[in-house]
Amino acid sequence: MDEMNKPATTEAPKTGGDKDVEDNKMLAAIGYLWVLCFIPLFAKKDSPFAQFHGKQGFLLFVISIGLWIIGWFPVIGWFVLFFGEIGLTILSIVGIIKALSGEKWEIPYIGQYAKKFNF
């Protein structure tokens, strides 16, 4: 059969069929809940999916601590803390949703730094 007569096959992108993803969705989602990011980082060292989301959760945790330190400064620090925590909460919710749906979603702009952590 030549190339022109081959039937077209369309495959959906693989987002949740992998055993690692299916087994570790819940732990990956927990990784976005502040200090609980350490659970997937240390409990599932053999899971690339849980590690990916745990590292991103750890990055959000570190940024949150930085925001709290900035928040000690009157007025300007309070605004930075308030709006920064709103942004981090939104990113955490999106990360939880993506982890539970089996997707590897990299946080815009800052997600690239999460890859540099070695736990």
PDB file of N, CA and C in Angstrom:
ATOM      1  N   MET A   1       0.842  -1.169   0.000  1.00  0.00           N
ATOM      2  CA  MET A   1       0.000   0.000   0.000  1.00  0.00           C
ATOM      3  C   MET A   1       0.895   1.243   0.000  1.00  0.00           C
ATOM      4  N   ASP A   2       0.655   2.160  -0.891  1.00  0.00           N
ATOM      5  CA  ASP A   2       1.491   3.346  -0.954  1.00  0.00           C
ATOM      6  C   ASP A   2       1.030   4.381   0.076  1.00  0.00           C
ATOM      7  N   GLU A   3       1.806   5.435   0.222  1.00  0.00           N
ATOM      8  CA  GLU A   3       1.557   6.468   1.229  1.00  0.00           C
ATOM      9  C   GLU A   3       0.217   7.169   1.030  1.00  0.00           C
ATOM     10  N   MET A   4      -0.223   7.339  -0.179  1.00  0.00           N
ATOM     11  CA  MET A   4      -1.459   8.073  -0.468  1.00  0.00           C
ATOM     12  C   MET A   4      -2.704   7.302  -0.047  1.00  0.00           C
ATOM     13  N   ASN A   5      -2.635   5.980  -0.036  1.00  0.00           N
ATOM     14  CA  ASN A   5      -3.811   5.173   0.248  1.00  0.00           C
ATOM     15  C   ASN A   5      -3.872   4.640   1.679  1.00  0.00           C
ATOM     16  N   LYS A   6      -2.911   5.013   2.512  1.00  0.00           N
ATOM     17  CA  LYS A   6      -2.923   4.546   3.892  1.00  0.00           C
ATOM     18  C   LYS A   6      -4.035   5.252   4.658  1.00  0.00           C
ATOM     19  N   PRO A   7      -4.722   4.509   5.492  1.00  0.00           N
ATOM     20  CA  PRO A   7      -5.761   5.154   6.294  1.00  0.00           C
ATOM     21  C   PRO A   7      -5.129   6.089   7.332  1.00  0.00           C
ATOM     22  N   ALA A   8      -5.774   7.207   7.521  1.00  0.00           N
ATOM     23  CA  ALA A   8      -5.276   8.188   8.493  1.00  0.00           C
ATOM     24  C   ALA A   8      -5.599   7.712   9.900  1.00  0.00           C
ATOM     25  N   THR A   9      -4.608   7.726  10.748  1.00  0.00           N
ATOM     26  CA  THR A   9      -4.829   7.368  12.149  1.00  0.00           C
ATOM     27  C   THR A   9      -4.562   8.595  12.988  1.00  0.00           C
ATOM     28  N   THR A  10      -5.484   8.870  13.827  1.00  0.00           N
ATOM     29  CA  THR A  10      -5.296   9.999  14.731  1.00  0.00           C
ATOM     30  C   THR A  10      -5.298   9.474  16.150  1.00  0.00           C
ATOM     31  N   GLU A  11      -4.285   9.846  16.880  1.00  0.00           N
ATOM     32  CA  GLU A  11      -4.181   9.444  18.269  1.00  0.00           C
ATOM     33  C   GLU A  11      -4.255  10.675  19.134  1.00  0.00           C
ATOM     34  N   ALA A  12      -5.026  10.573  20.178  1.00  0.00           N
ATOM     35  CA  ALA A  12      -5.095  11.670  21.136  1.00  0.00           C
ATOM     36  C   ALA A  12      -3.789  11.718  21.907  1.00  0.00           C
ATOM     37  N   PRO A  13      -3.343  12.898  22.285  1.00  0.00           N
ATOM     38  CA  PRO A  13      -2.112  12.968  23.063  1.00  0.00           C
ATOM     39  C   PRO A  13      -2.267  12.222  24.378  1.00  0.00           C
ATOM     40  N   LYS A  14      -1.232  11.511  24.736  1.00  0.00           N
ATOM     41  CA  LYS A  14      -1.283  10.695  25.934  1.00  0.00           C
ATOM     42  C   LYS A  14      -1.168  11.597  27.165  1.00  0.00           C
ATOM     43  N   THR A  15      -2.220  11.651  27.944  1.00  0.00           N
ATOM     44  CA  THR A  15      -2.197  12.491  29.129  1.00  0.00           C
ATOM     45  C   THR A  15      -2.420  11.707  30.406  1.00  0.00           C
ATOM     46  N   GLY A  16      -3.076  10.574  30.341  1.00  0.00           N
ATOM     47  CA  GLY A  16      -3.382   9.900  31.581  1.00  0.00           C
ATOM     48  C   GLY A  16      -3.328   8.393  31.524  1.00  0.00           C
ATOM     49  N   GLY A  17      -2.875   7.793  30.441  1.00  0.00           N
ATOM     50  CA  GLY A  17      -2.878   6.349  30.336  1.00  0.00           C
ATOM     51  C   GLY A  17      -1.682   5.670  30.961  1.00  0.00           C
ATOM     52  N   ASP A  18      -0.630   6.362  31.189  1.00  0.00           N
ATOM     53  CA  ASP A  18       0.596   5.803  31.726  1.00  0.00           C
ATOM     54  C   ASP A  18       0.380   5.334  33.166  1.00  0.00           C
ATOM     55  N   LYS A  19       0.942   4.197  33.529  1.00  0.00           N
ATOM     56  CA  LYS A  19       0.767   3.641  34.877  1.00  0.00           C
ATOM     57  C   LYS A  19       1.307   4.586  35.942  1.00  0.00           C
ATOM     58  N   ASP A  20       2.448   5.198  35.698  1.00  0.00           N
ATOM     59  CA  ASP A  20       3.014   6.154  36.660  1.00  0.00           C
ATOM     60  C   ASP A  20       2.039   7.295  36.924  1.00  0.00           C
ATOM     61  N   VAL A  21       1.469   7.826  35.873  1.00  0.00           N
ATOM     62  CA  VAL A  21       0.530   8.941  36.009  1.00  0.00           C
ATOM     63  C   VAL A  21      -0.709   8.496  36.771  1.00  0.00           C
ATOM     64  N   GLU A  22      -1.275   7.367  36.373  1.00  0.00           N
ATOM     65  CA  GLU A  22      -2.504   6.887  37.012  1.00  0.00           C
ATOM     66  C   GLU A  22      -2.293   6.584  38.497  1.00  0.00           C
ATOM     67  N   ASP A  23      -1.157   6.006  38.827  1.00  0.00           N
ATOM     68  CA  ASP A  23      -0.899   5.627  40.212  1.00  0.00           C
ATOM     69  C   ASP A  23      -0.566   6.813  41.111  1.00  0.00           C
ATOM     70  N   ASN A  24      -0.115   7.918  40.545  1.00  0.00           N
ATOM     71  CA  ASN A  24       0.415   9.008  41.361  1.00  0.00           C
ATOM     72  C   ASN A  24      -0.288  10.346  41.184  1.00  0.00           C
ATOM     73  N   LYS A  25      -1.467  10.338  40.593  1.00  0.00           N
ATOM     74  CA  LYS A  25      -2.200  11.595  40.399  1.00  0.00           C
ATOM     75  C   LYS A  25      -2.475  12.311  41.717  1.00  0.00           C
ATOM     76  N   MET A  26      -2.949  11.573  42.698  1.00  0.00           N
ATOM     77  CA  MET A  26      -3.326  12.195  43.970  1.00  0.00           C
ATOM     78  C   MET A  26      -2.106  12.777  44.689  1.00  0.00           C
ATOM     79  N   LEU A  27      -1.011  12.027  44.722  1.00  0.00           N
ATOM     80  CA  LEU A  27       0.196  12.546  45.359  1.00  0.00           C
ATOM     81  C   LEU A  27       0.747  13.751  44.615  1.00  0.00           C
ATOM     82  N   ALA A  28       0.655  13.734  43.304  1.00  0.00           N
ATOM     83  CA  ALA A  28       1.115  14.882  42.520  1.00  0.00           C
ATOM     84  C   ALA A  28       0.277  16.112  42.843  1.00  0.00           C
ATOM     85  N   ALA A  29      -1.022  15.946  42.995  1.00  0.00           N
ATOM     86  CA  ALA A  29      -1.904  17.067  43.324  1.00  0.00           C
ATOM     87  C   ALA A  29      -1.621  17.600  44.727  1.00  0.00           C
ATOM     88  N   ILE A  30      -1.331  16.702  45.661  1.00  0.00           N
ATOM     89  CA  ILE A  30      -1.005  17.121  47.030  1.00  0.00           C
ATOM     90  C   ILE A  30       0.245  18.003  47.038  1.00  0.00           C
ATOM     91  N   GLY A  31       1.113  17.811  46.071  1.00  0.00           N
ATOM     92  CA  GLY A  31       2.343  18.585  45.995  1.00  0.00           C
ATOM     93  C   GLY A  31       2.142  20.079  45.849  1.00  0.00           C
ATOM     94  N   TYR A  32       0.962  20.506  45.491  1.00  0.00           N
ATOM     95  CA  TYR A  32       0.684  21.936  45.337  1.00  0.00           C
ATOM     96  C   TYR A  32       0.109  22.561  46.607  1.00  0.00           C
ATOM     97  N   LEU A  33       0.009  21.789  47.683  1.00  0.00           N
ATOM     98  CA  LEU A  33      -0.567  22.295  48.924  1.00  0.00           C
ATOM     99  C   LEU A  33       0.524  22.665  49.920  1.00  0.00           C
ATOM    100  N   TRP A  34       1.126  23.779  49.711  1.00  0.00           N
ATOM    101  CA  TRP A  34       2.137  24.425  50.538  1.00  0.00           C
ATOM    102  C   TRP A  34       3.202  23.457  51.011  1.00  0.00           C
ATOM    103  N   VAL A  35       3.341  23.207  52.300  1.00  0.00           N
ATOM    104  CA  VAL A  35       4.424  22.377  52.828  1.00  0.00           C
ATOM    105  C   VAL A  35       4.236  20.887  52.487  1.00  0.00           C
ATOM    106  N   LEU A  36       3.053  20.517  52.052  1.00  0.00           N
ATOM    107  CA  LEU A  36       2.815  19.123  51.662  1.00  0.00           C
ATOM    108  C   LEU A  36       3.547  18.754  50.373  1.00  0.00           C
ATOM    109  N   CYS A  37       4.207  19.714  49.748  1.00  0.00           N
ATOM    110  CA  CYS A  37       4.989  19.419  48.537  1.00  0.00           C
ATOM    111  C   CYS A  37       6.074  18.392  48.811  1.00  0.00           C
ATOM    112  N   PHE A  38       6.482  18.259  50.080  1.00  0.00           N
ATOM    113  CA  PHE A  38       7.532  17.301  50.416  1.00  0.00           C
ATOM    114  C   PHE A  38       7.053  15.852  50.342  1.00  0.00           C
ATOM    115  N   ILE A  39       5.744  15.630  50.419  1.00  0.00           N
ATOM    116  CA  ILE A  39       5.231  14.253  50.372  1.00  0.00           C
ATOM    117  C   ILE A  39       5.562  13.579  49.047  1.00  0.00           C
ATOM    118  N   PRO A  40       5.188  14.158  47.886  1.00  0.00           N
ATOM    119  CA  PRO A  40       5.571  13.468  46.644  1.00  0.00           C
ATOM    120  C   PRO A  40       7.078  13.495  46.391  1.00  0.00           C
ATOM    121  N   LEU A  41       7.760  14.518  46.887  1.00  0.00           N
ATOM    122  CA  LEU A  41       9.197  14.611  46.646  1.00  0.00           C
ATOM    123  C   LEU A  41       9.966  13.495  47.340  1.00  0.00           C
ATOM    124  N   PHE A  42       9.537  13.119  48.528  1.00  0.00           N
ATOM    125  CA  PHE A  42      10.277  12.100  49.279  1.00  0.00           C
ATOM    126  C   PHE A  42       9.599  10.734  49.263  1.00  0.00           C
ATOM    127  N   ALA A  43       8.286  10.689  49.100  1.00  0.00           N
ATOM    128  CA  ALA A  43       7.578   9.409  49.118  1.00  0.00           C
ATOM    129  C   ALA A  43       7.604   8.704  47.762  1.00  0.00           C
ATOM    130  N   LYS A  44       7.722   9.460  46.680  1.00  0.00           N
ATOM    131  CA  LYS A  44       7.678   8.870  45.338  1.00  0.00           C
ATOM    132  C   LYS A  44       8.884   9.300  44.504  1.00  0.00           C
ATOM    133  N   LYS A  45      10.064   8.981  44.991  1.00  0.00           N
ATOM    134  CA  LYS A  45      11.278   9.333  44.256  1.00  0.00           C
ATOM    135  C   LYS A  45      11.378   8.619  42.911  1.00  0.00           C
ATOM    136  N   ASP A  46      10.670   7.503  42.766  1.00  0.00           N
ATOM    137  CA  ASP A  46      10.730   6.720  41.528  1.00  0.00           C
ATOM    138  C   ASP A  46       9.680   7.146  40.507  1.00  0.00           C
ATOM    139  N   SER A  47       8.858   8.145  40.826  1.00  0.00           N
ATOM    140  CA  SER A  47       7.791   8.578  39.934  1.00  0.00           C
ATOM    141  C   SER A  47       8.128   9.928  39.293  1.00  0.00           C
ATOM    142  N   PRO A  48       8.449   9.952  38.005  1.00  0.00           N
ATOM    143  CA  PRO A  48       8.732  11.232  37.339  1.00  0.00           C
ATOM    144  C   PRO A  48       7.539  12.188  37.381  1.00  0.00           C
ATOM    145  N   PHE A  49       6.325  11.647  37.318  1.00  0.00           N
ATOM    146  CA  PHE A  49       5.130  12.492  37.332  1.00  0.00           C
ATOM    147  C   PHE A  49       4.960  13.178  38.694  1.00  0.00           C
ATOM    148  N   ALA A  50       5.068  12.419  39.775  1.00  0.00           N
ATOM    149  CA  ALA A  50       4.944  12.997  41.116  1.00  0.00           C
ATOM    150  C   ALA A  50       6.094  13.956  41.405  1.00  0.00           C
ATOM    151  N   GLN A  51       7.296  13.625  40.948  1.00  0.00           N
ATOM    152  CA  GLN A  51       8.441  14.509  41.146  1.00  0.00           C
ATOM    153  C   GLN A  51       8.255  15.836  40.408  1.00  0.00           C
ATOM    154  N   PHE A  52       7.762  15.771  39.178  1.00  0.00           N
ATOM    155  CA  PHE A  52       7.530  16.970  38.376  1.00  0.00           C
ATOM    156  C   PHE A  52       6.606  17.935  39.116  1.00  0.00           C
ATOM    157  N   HIS A  53       5.464  17.438  39.580  1.00  0.00           N
ATOM    158  CA  HIS A  53       4.499  18.304  40.255  1.00  0.00           C
ATOM    159  C   HIS A  53       4.968  18.680  41.660  1.00  0.00           C
ATOM    160  N   GLY A  54       5.660  17.781  42.339  1.00  0.00           N
ATOM    161  CA  GLY A  54       6.198  18.099  43.662  1.00  0.00           C
ATOM    162  C   GLY A  54       7.222  19.215  43.611  1.00  0.00           C
ATOM    163  N   LYS A  55       8.072  19.190  42.584  1.00  0.00           N
ATOM    164  CA  LYS A  55       9.073  20.250  42.432  1.00  0.00           C
ATOM    165  C   LYS A  55       8.421  21.596  42.140  1.00  0.00           C
ATOM    166  N   GLN A  56       7.378  21.592  41.344  1.00  0.00           N
ATOM    167  CA  GLN A  56       6.670  22.846  41.075  1.00  0.00           C
ATOM    168  C   GLN A  56       5.971  23.348  42.348  1.00  0.00           C
ATOM    169  N   GLY A  57       5.403  22.422  43.113  1.00  0.00           N
ATOM    170  CA  GLY A  57       4.793  22.799  44.384  1.00  0.00           C
ATOM    171  C   GLY A  57       5.815  23.355  45.351  1.00  0.00           C
ATOM    172  N   PHE A  58       7.011  22.757  45.361  1.00  0.00           N
ATOM    173  CA  PHE A  58       8.088  23.265  46.218  1.00  0.00           C
ATOM    174  C   PHE A  58       8.481  24.680  45.810  1.00  0.00           C
ATOM    175  N   LEU A  59       8.540  24.934  44.523  1.00  0.00           N
ATOM    176  CA  LEU A  59       8.863  26.274  44.037  1.00  0.00           C
ATOM    177  C   LEU A  59       7.810  27.283  44.516  1.00  0.00           C
ATOM    178  N   LEU A  60       6.539  26.929  44.433  1.00  0.00           N
ATOM    179  CA  LEU A  60       5.482  27.818  44.922  1.00  0.00           C
ATOM    180  C   LEU A  60       5.593  28.013  46.434  1.00  0.00           C
ATOM    181  N   PHE A  61       5.983  26.975  47.150  1.00  0.00           N
ATOM    182  CA  PHE A  61       6.191  27.058  48.596  1.00  0.00           C
ATOM    183  C   PHE A  61       7.305  28.057  48.924  1.00  0.00           C
ATOM    184  N   VAL A  62       8.419  27.980  48.216  1.00  0.00           N
ATOM    185  CA  VAL A  62       9.547  28.891  48.441  1.00  0.00           C
ATOM    186  C   VAL A  62       9.138  30.332  48.125  1.00  0.00           C
ATOM    187  N   ILE A  63       8.424  30.519  47.033  1.00  0.00           N
ATOM    188  CA  ILE A  63       7.958  31.867  46.670  1.00  0.00           C
ATOM    189  C   ILE A  63       7.011  32.400  47.740  1.00  0.00           C
ATOM    190  N   SER A  64       6.161  31.541  48.270  1.00  0.00           N
ATOM    191  CA  SER A  64       5.227  31.950  49.326  1.00  0.00           C
ATOM    192  C   SER A  64       5.973  32.426  50.566  1.00  0.00           C
ATOM    193  N   ILE A  65       7.007  31.720  50.947  1.00  0.00           N
ATOM    194  CA  ILE A  65       7.808  32.138  52.098  1.00  0.00           C
ATOM    195  C   ILE A  65       8.451  33.494  51.819  1.00  0.00           C
ATOM    196  N   GLY A  66       8.963  33.677  50.604  1.00  0.00           N
ATOM    197  CA  GLY A  66       9.530  34.970  50.227  1.00  0.00           C
ATOM    198  C   GLY A  66       8.504  36.091  50.301  1.00  0.00           C
ATOM    199  N   LEU A  67       7.287  35.800  49.880  1.00  0.00           N
ATOM    200  CA  LEU A  67       6.228  36.808  49.955  1.00  0.00           C
ATOM    201  C   LEU A  67       5.901  37.170  51.399  1.00  0.00           C
ATOM    202  N   TRP A  68       5.917  36.174  52.286  1.00  0.00           N
ATOM    203  CA  TRP A  68       5.648  36.466  53.694  1.00  0.00           C
ATOM    204  C   TRP A  68       6.735  37.337  54.295  1.00  0.00           C
ATOM    205  N   ILE A  69       7.976  37.135  53.886  1.00  0.00           N
ATOM    206  CA  ILE A  69       9.073  37.986  54.373  1.00  0.00           C
ATOM    207  C   ILE A  69       8.884  39.411  53.864  1.00  0.00           C
ATOM    208  N   ILE A  70       8.534  39.559  52.591  1.00  0.00           N
ATOM    209  CA  ILE A  70       8.266  40.886  52.025  1.00  0.00           C
ATOM    210  C   ILE A  70       7.073  41.529  52.726  1.00  0.00           C
ATOM    211  N   GLY A  71       6.108  40.728  53.131  1.00  0.00           N
ATOM    212  CA  GLY A  71       4.909  41.224  53.800  1.00  0.00           C
ATOM    213  C   GLY A  71       5.167  41.856  55.150  1.00  0.00           C
ATOM    214  N   TRP A  72       6.348  41.670  55.714  1.00  0.00           N
ATOM    215  CA  TRP A  72       6.678  42.318  56.982  1.00  0.00           C
ATOM    216  C   TRP A  72       6.852  43.821  56.824  1.00  0.00           C
ATOM    217  N   PHE A  73       7.122  44.250  55.600  1.00  0.00           N
ATOM    218  CA  PHE A  73       7.302  45.684  55.360  1.00  0.00           C
ATOM    219  C   PHE A  73       5.936  46.349  55.216  1.00  0.00           C
ATOM    220  N   PRO A  74       5.717  47.426  55.936  1.00  0.00           N
ATOM    221  CA  PRO A  74       4.394  48.072  55.906  1.00  0.00           C
ATOM    222  C   PRO A  74       3.980  48.554  54.514  1.00  0.00           C
ATOM    223  N   VAL A  75       2.728  48.566  54.278  1.00  0.00           N
ATOM    224  CA  VAL A  75       1.996  49.050  53.122  1.00  0.00           C
ATOM    225  C   VAL A  75       2.406  48.362  51.822  1.00  0.00           C
ATOM    226  N   ILE A  76       3.548  48.686  51.260  1.00  0.00           N
ATOM    227  CA  ILE A  76       3.964  48.091  49.981  1.00  0.00           C
ATOM    228  C   ILE A  76       4.096  46.578  50.128  1.00  0.00           C
ATOM    229  N   GLY A  77       4.742  46.145  51.195  1.00  0.00           N
ATOM    230  CA  GLY A  77       4.899  44.711  51.437  1.00  0.00           C
ATOM    231  C   GLY A  77       3.564  44.011  51.608  1.00  0.00           C
ATOM    232  N   TRP A  78       2.606  44.694  52.242  1.00  0.00           N
ATOM    233  CA  TRP A  78       1.280  44.104  52.431  1.00  0.00           C
ATOM    234  C   TRP A  78       0.584  43.895  51.094  1.00  0.00           C
ATOM    235  N   PHE A  79       0.722  44.875  50.200  1.00  0.00           N
ATOM    236  CA  PHE A  79       0.109  44.734  48.879  1.00  0.00           C
ATOM    237  C   PHE A  79       0.766  43.617  48.073  1.00  0.00           C
ATOM    238  N   VAL A  80       2.085  43.565  48.126  1.00  0.00           N
ATOM    239  CA  VAL A  80       2.809  42.512  47.410  1.00  0.00           C
ATOM    240  C   VAL A  80       2.394  41.141  47.956  1.00  0.00           C
ATOM    241  N   LEU A  81       2.320  41.028  49.276  1.00  0.00           N
ATOM    242  CA  LEU A  81       1.907  39.774  49.901  1.00  0.00           C
ATOM    243  C   LEU A  81       0.494  39.397  49.484  1.00  0.00           C
ATOM    244  N   PHE A  82      -0.427  40.340  49.561  1.00  0.00           N
ATOM    245  CA  PHE A  82      -1.826  40.064  49.255  1.00  0.00           C
ATOM    246  C   PHE A  82      -2.005  39.580  47.816  1.00  0.00           C
ATOM    247  N   PHE A  83      -1.497  40.355  46.864  1.00  0.00           N
ATOM    248  CA  PHE A  83      -1.688  39.990  45.463  1.00  0.00           C
ATOM    249  C   PHE A  83      -0.814  38.797  45.052  1.00  0.00           C
ATOM    250  N   GLY A  84       0.361  38.684  45.649  1.00  0.00           N
ATOM    251  CA  GLY A  84       1.211  37.530  45.370  1.00  0.00           C
ATOM    252  C   GLY A  84       0.584  36.234  45.830  1.00  0.00           C
ATOM    253  N   GLU A  85      -0.010  36.245  47.015  1.00  0.00           N
ATOM    254  CA  GLU A  85      -0.657  35.034  47.526  1.00  0.00           C
ATOM    255  C   GLU A  85      -1.898  34.674  46.707  1.00  0.00           C
ATOM    256  N   ILE A  86      -2.603  35.671  46.205  1.00  0.00           N
ATOM    257  CA  ILE A  86      -3.737  35.386  45.312  1.00  0.00           C
ATOM    258  C   ILE A  86      -3.232  34.682  44.054  1.00  0.00           C
ATOM    259  N   GLY A  87      -2.149  35.200  43.485  1.00  0.00           N
ATOM    260  CA  GLY A  87      -1.564  34.582  42.293  1.00  0.00           C
ATOM    261  C   GLY A  87      -1.086  33.162  42.562  1.00  0.00           C
ATOM    262  N   LEU A  88      -0.423  32.950  43.697  1.00  0.00           N
ATOM    263  CA  LEU A  88       0.059  31.610  44.040  1.00  0.00           C
ATOM    264  C   LEU A  88      -1.097  30.641  44.282  1.00  0.00           C
ATOM    265  N   THR A  89      -2.167  31.145  44.873  1.00  0.00           N
ATOM    266  CA  THR A  89      -3.342  30.291  45.092  1.00  0.00           C
ATOM    267  C   THR A  89      -3.944  29.852  43.762  1.00  0.00           C
ATOM    268  N   ILE A  90      -4.029  30.778  42.822  1.00  0.00           N
ATOM    269  CA  ILE A  90      -4.551  30.441  41.493  1.00  0.00           C
ATOM    270  C   ILE A  90      -3.653  29.413  40.814  1.00  0.00           C
ATOM    271  N   LEU A  91      -2.337  29.623  40.870  1.00  0.00           N
ATOM    272  CA  LEU A  91      -1.402  28.672  40.263  1.00  0.00           C
ATOM    273  C   LEU A  91      -1.501  27.300  40.924  1.00  0.00           C
ATOM    274  N   SER A  92      -1.682  27.278  42.237  1.00  0.00           N
ATOM    275  CA  SER A  92      -1.826  26.004  42.946  1.00  0.00           C
ATOM    276  C   SER A  92      -3.095  25.267  42.530  1.00  0.00           C
ATOM    277  N   ILE A  93      -4.190  25.994  42.411  1.00  0.00           N
ATOM    278  CA  ILE A  93      -5.453  25.367  41.996  1.00  0.00           C
ATOM    279  C   ILE A  93      -5.335  24.793  40.592  1.00  0.00           C
ATOM    280  N   VAL A  94      -4.739  25.562  39.689  1.00  0.00           N
ATOM    281  CA  VAL A  94      -4.553  25.072  38.318  1.00  0.00           C
ATOM    282  C   VAL A  94      -3.630  23.846  38.326  1.00  0.00           C
ATOM    283  N   GLY A  95      -2.572  23.888  39.110  1.00  0.00           N
ATOM    284  CA  GLY A  95      -1.662  22.749  39.208  1.00  0.00           C
ATOM    285  C   GLY A  95      -2.346  21.501  39.733  1.00  0.00           C
ATOM    286  N   ILE A  96      -3.202  21.664  40.733  1.00  0.00           N
ATOM    287  CA  ILE A  96      -3.945  20.530  41.282  1.00  0.00           C
ATOM    288  C   ILE A  96      -4.858  19.933  40.220  1.00  0.00           C
ATOM    289  N   ILE A  97      -5.563  20.795  39.506  1.00  0.00           N
ATOM    290  CA  ILE A  97      -6.472  20.322  38.454  1.00  0.00           C
ATOM    291  C   ILE A  97      -5.691  19.578  37.366  1.00  0.00           C
ATOM    292  N   LYS A  98      -4.572  20.147  36.945  1.00  0.00           N
ATOM    293  CA  LYS A  98      -3.763  19.512  35.900  1.00  0.00           C
ATOM    294  C   LYS A  98      -3.185  18.183  36.380  1.00  0.00           C
ATOM    295  N   ALA A  99      -2.723  18.127  37.624  1.00  0.00           N
ATOM    296  CA  ALA A  99      -2.168  16.876  38.152  1.00  0.00           C
ATOM    297  C   ALA A  99      -3.241  15.799  38.233  1.00  0.00           C
ATOM    298  N   LEU A 100      -4.431  16.166  38.695  1.00  0.00           N
ATOM    299  CA  LEU A 100      -5.513  15.184  38.802  1.00  0.00           C
ATOM    300  C   LEU A 100      -6.002  14.707  37.444  1.00  0.00           C
ATOM    301  N   SER A 101      -5.812  15.548  36.408  1.00  0.00           N
ATOM    302  CA  SER A 101      -6.218  15.125  35.071  1.00  0.00           C
ATOM    303  C   SER A 101      -5.086  14.404  34.340  1.00  0.00           C
ATOM    304  N   GLY A 102      -3.937  14.256  34.993  1.00  0.00           N
ATOM    305  CA  GLY A 102      -2.840  13.489  34.424  1.00  0.00           C
ATOM    306  C   GLY A 102      -1.958  14.265  33.466  1.00  0.00           C
ATOM    307  N   GLU A 103      -1.967  15.573  33.541  1.00  0.00           N
ATOM    308  CA  GLU A 103      -1.169  16.402  32.637  1.00  0.00           C
ATOM    309  C   GLU A 103       0.085  16.917  33.328  1.00  0.00           C
ATOM    310  N   LYS A 104       1.141  17.041  32.548  1.00  0.00           N
ATOM    311  CA  LYS A 104       2.351  17.709  33.027  1.00  0.00           C
ATOM    312  C   LYS A 104       2.275  19.154  32.547  1.00  0.00           C
ATOM    313  N   TRP A 105       1.853  20.023  33.433  1.00  0.00           N
ATOM    314  CA  TRP A 105       1.675  21.435  33.096  1.00  0.00           C
ATOM    315  C   TRP A 105       2.786  22.232  33.761  1.00  0.00           C
ATOM    316  N   GLU A 106       3.567  22.925  32.963  1.00  0.00           N
ATOM    317  CA  GLU A 106       4.643  23.743  33.507  1.00  0.00           C
ATOM    318  C   GLU A 106       4.117  25.134  33.804  1.00  0.00           C
ATOM    319  N   ILE A 107       4.357  25.600  35.013  1.00  0.00           N
ATOM    320  CA  ILE A 107       3.912  26.927  35.423  1.00  0.00           C
ATOM    321  C   ILE A 107       4.609  27.965  34.538  1.00  0.00           C
ATOM    322  N   PRO A 108       3.839  28.889  33.957  1.00  0.00           N
ATOM    323  CA  PRO A 108       4.447  29.895  33.078  1.00  0.00           C
ATOM    324  C   PRO A 108       5.522  30.716  33.802  1.00  0.00           C
ATOM    325  N   TYR A 109       6.585  30.988  33.100  1.00  0.00           N
ATOM    326  CA  TYR A 109       7.705  31.826  33.527  1.00  0.00           C
ATOM    327  C   TYR A 109       8.579  31.205  34.614  1.00  0.00           C
ATOM    328  N   ILE A 110       8.010  30.587  35.613  1.00  0.00           N
ATOM    329  CA  ILE A 110       8.808  30.092  36.735  1.00  0.00           C
ATOM    330  C   ILE A 110       8.962  28.577  36.750  1.00  0.00           C
ATOM    331  N   GLY A 111       8.174  27.865  35.986  1.00  0.00           N
ATOM    332  CA  GLY A 111       8.213  26.407  35.981  1.00  0.00           C
ATOM    333  C   GLY A 111       9.557  25.846  35.562  1.00  0.00           C
ATOM    334  N   GLN A 112      10.271  26.574  34.737  1.00  0.00           N
ATOM    335  CA  GLN A 112      11.581  26.112  34.267  1.00  0.00           C
ATOM    336  C   GLN A 112      12.582  25.983  35.418  1.00  0.00           C
ATOM    337  N   TYR A 113      12.409  26.773  36.469  1.00  0.00           N
ATOM    338  CA  TYR A 113      13.329  26.718  37.603  1.00  0.00           C
ATOM    339  C   TYR A 113      13.079  25.494  38.477  1.00  0.00           C
ATOM    340  N   ALA A 114      11.874  24.976  38.465  1.00  0.00           N
ATOM    341  CA  ALA A 114      11.539  23.793  39.258  1.00  0.00           C
ATOM    342  C   ALA A 114      12.329  22.577  38.778  1.00  0.00           C
ATOM    343  N   LYS A 115      12.654  22.519  37.508  1.00  0.00           N
ATOM    344  CA  LYS A 115      13.399  21.390  36.952  1.00  0.00           C
ATOM    345  C   LYS A 115      14.815  21.303  37.523  1.00  0.00           C
ATOM    346  N   LYS A 116      15.322  22.395  38.062  1.00  0.00           N
ATOM    347  CA  LYS A 116      16.704  22.433  38.549  1.00  0.00           C
ATOM    348  C   LYS A 116      16.861  21.861  39.945  1.00  0.00           C
ATOM    349  N   PHE A 117      15.735  21.622  40.644  1.00  0.00           N
ATOM    350  CA  PHE A 117      15.805  21.049  41.986  1.00  0.00           C
ATOM    351  C   PHE A 117      16.116  19.556  41.883  1.00  0.00           C
ATOM    352  N   ASN A 118      16.998  19.102  42.765  1.00  0.00           N
ATOM    353  CA  ASN A 118      17.326  17.669  42.845  1.00  0.00           C
ATOM    354  C   ASN A 118      17.040  17.189  44.246  1.00  0.00           C
ATOM    355  N   PHE A 119      16.041  16.338  44.365  1.00  0.00           N
ATOM    356  CA  PHE A 119      15.677  15.792  45.683  1.00  0.00           C
ATOM    357  C   PHE A 119      15.966  14.313  45.711  1.00  0.00           C
TER     358      PHE A 119
END
